[in-house]
Amino acid sequence: QVQLVESGGGLVQAGGSLRLSCAASGRTISSYAMGWFRQAPWKEREFVGGMTWSGGSTKYGDFVKGRFTISRDDAKNTIYLQMGSLKPEDTAVYYCAADRVRSRVTVTAGTYDYWGQGTQVTVSS
């Protein structure tokens, strides 16, 4: 079983950038497909992006439009979400998640098996 801890959230002005980290422990991230989701108040959890176990395949939510990039550092057992051109509507709690079916990237939160506690991102206008 893997434990996931997100960090890097905070307050940023519109147009700014943030890099979120998701540090895994217990098992290596290569054992899973990894995803990022977000949830704003009164909204459903939304797929942001994800990658397969090798990083060979990535997928992003339609709203990303090239503004965000997922990457990984296997030596640190960590994945990252680099976010740029941030907008107030990007304000949410951001979660990373792990899917034991590591060869796919799915957009459905229910298919992921493990979750971090989330990190708050607030974008001011």
Protein backbone atom coordinates (compact mmCIF):
# COMPACT_ATOMS: atom_id res chain seq x y z
CA GLN A 1 0.00 0.00 0.00
CA VAL A 2 1.26 3.46 -0.87
CA GLN A 3 0.93 6.65 1.15
CA LEU A 4 0.72 9.95 -0.71
CA VAL A 5 1.47 13.41 0.63
CA GLU A 6 0.87 16.54 -1.43
CA SER A 7 2.62 19.84 -0.89
CA GLY A 8 3.29 23.09 -2.66
CA GLY A 9 -0.12 24.68 -2.58
CA GLY A 10 -0.66 28.28 -1.62
CA LEU A 11 -1.93 31.66 -2.67
CA VAL A 12 -0.90 32.99 -6.06
CA GLN A 13 -2.05 35.82 -8.28
CA ALA A 14 -3.80 35.19 -11.55
CA GLY A 15 -1.27 34.51 -14.28
CA GLY A 16 1.20 33.06 -11.82
CA SER A 17 2.65 29.59 -11.41
CA LEU A 18 2.86 26.89 -8.78
CA ARG A 19 4.44 23.48 -8.61
CA LEU A 20 2.70 20.84 -6.57
CA SER A 21 4.51 17.77 -5.31
CA CYS A 22 3.17 14.37 -4.36
CA ALA A 23 5.62 12.32 -2.35
CA ALA A 24 4.94 8.60 -2.17
CA SER A 25 6.05 6.16 0.49
CA GLY A 26 5.47 2.51 1.12
CA ARG A 27 5.72 1.54 -2.55
CA THR A 28 7.31 3.05 -5.61
CA ILE A 29 5.30 5.26 -7.93
CA SER A 30 6.21 2.93 -10.80
CA SER A 31 3.81 0.43 -9.24
CA TYR A 32 0.89 2.68 -10.17
CA ALA A 33 -0.62 5.00 -12.66
CA MET A 34 -0.67 8.40 -10.98
CA GLY A 35 -3.22 11.14 -11.29
CA TRP A 36 -4.00 14.64 -10.10
CA PHE A 37 -7.53 15.75 -9.30
CA ARG A 38 -9.01 18.90 -7.86
CA GLN A 39 -12.15 19.79 -6.00
CA ALA A 40 -13.60 23.24 -5.54
CA PRO A 41 -16.30 23.99 -2.97
CA TRP A 42 -19.70 22.65 -4.00
CA LYS A 43 -18.23 20.91 -7.05
CA GLU A 44 -17.39 17.34 -7.93
CA ARG A 45 -13.82 16.12 -7.92
CA GLU A 46 -12.33 16.86 -11.35
CA PHE A 47 -9.55 15.13 -13.27
CA VAL A 48 -6.56 17.38 -13.86
CA GLY A 49 -4.05 15.02 -15.39
CA GLY A 50 -2.30 11.69 -15.02
CA MET A 51 0.43 9.41 -16.26
CA THR A 52 0.98 5.69 -16.59
CA TRP A 53 3.48 3.82 -14.47
CA SER A 54 6.39 4.55 -16.79
CA GLY A 55 5.38 8.10 -17.61
CA GLY A 56 5.10 7.01 -21.22
CA SER A 57 1.50 8.13 -21.54
CA THR A 58 -0.08 11.23 -20.09
CA LYS A 59 -3.56 12.68 -20.23
CA TYR A 60 -4.94 16.03 -19.15
CA GLY A 61 -8.35 17.48 -18.46
CA ASP A 62 -9.81 19.57 -21.25
CA PHE A 63 -9.60 22.73 -19.19
CA VAL A 64 -5.81 22.45 -18.85
CA LYS A 65 -5.16 23.58 -22.44
CA GLY A 66 -1.40 23.27 -22.15
CA ARG A 67 -1.09 25.24 -18.92
CA PHE A 68 -0.16 22.29 -16.65
CA THR A 69 2.48 19.58 -16.91
CA ILE A 70 2.89 16.37 -14.95
CA SER A 71 6.35 15.02 -14.32
CA ARG A 72 8.04 12.50 -12.08
CA ASP A 73 11.28 11.88 -10.25
CA ASP A 74 11.65 8.17 -9.60
CA ALA A 75 14.70 8.69 -7.41
CA LYS A 76 12.59 10.84 -5.09
CA ASN A 77 9.49 8.70 -5.57
CA THR A 78 7.60 11.90 -6.29
CA ILE A 79 5.33 13.25 -8.98
CA TYR A 80 4.80 16.90 -9.74
CA LEU A 81 2.14 19.12 -11.22
CA GLN A 82 3.59 22.27 -12.73
CA MET A 83 0.82 24.81 -13.14
CA GLY A 84 1.11 28.02 -15.12
CA SER A 85 -1.13 30.83 -16.34
CA LEU A 86 -3.28 30.23 -13.30
CA LYS A 87 -6.81 31.56 -13.20
CA PRO A 88 -9.15 32.21 -10.27
CA GLU A 89 -11.25 29.27 -11.44
CA ASP A 90 -8.26 26.99 -10.75
CA THR A 91 -8.84 27.59 -7.05
CA ALA A 92 -9.44 24.21 -5.42
CA VAL A 93 -7.97 21.53 -3.23
CA TYR A 94 -5.62 19.46 -5.37
CA TYR A 95 -5.19 15.75 -4.72
CA CYS A 96 -2.85 13.15 -6.09
CA ALA A 97 -4.00 9.58 -6.46
CA ALA A 98 -2.66 6.16 -7.40
CA ASP A 99 -4.32 3.50 -9.55
CA ARG A 100 -3.17 -0.09 -9.19
CA VAL A 101 -3.98 -0.67 -12.85
CA ARG A 102 -0.82 1.09 -13.82
CA SER A 103 -1.05 0.81 -17.60
CA ARG A 104 -3.99 3.20 -17.96
CA VAL A 105 -4.82 6.79 -17.12
CA THR A 106 -8.46 7.21 -16.27
CA VAL A 107 -10.38 10.41 -15.62
CA THR A 108 -12.75 8.86 -13.09
CA ALA A 109 -11.89 9.43 -9.45
CA GLY A 110 -13.55 6.19 -8.40
CA THR A 111 -11.01 4.09 -10.26
CA TYR A 112 -8.11 5.31 -8.14
CA ASP A 113 -7.19 3.28 -5.11
CA TYR A 114 -5.11 5.59 -2.95
CA TRP A 115 -5.36 9.30 -2.25
CA GLY A 116 -3.39 12.00 -0.55
CA GLN A 117 -4.89 14.48 1.86
CA GLY A 118 -4.84 17.36 -0.62
CA THR A 119 -3.23 20.76 -0.83
CA GLN A 120 -5.09 24.04 -1.22
CA VAL A 121 -4.45 26.25 -4.23
CA THR A 122 -5.97 29.71 -4.20
CA VAL A 123 -5.66 32.01 -7.21
CA SER A 124 -6.53 35.64 -6.62
CA SER A 125 -7.76 37.94 -9.35
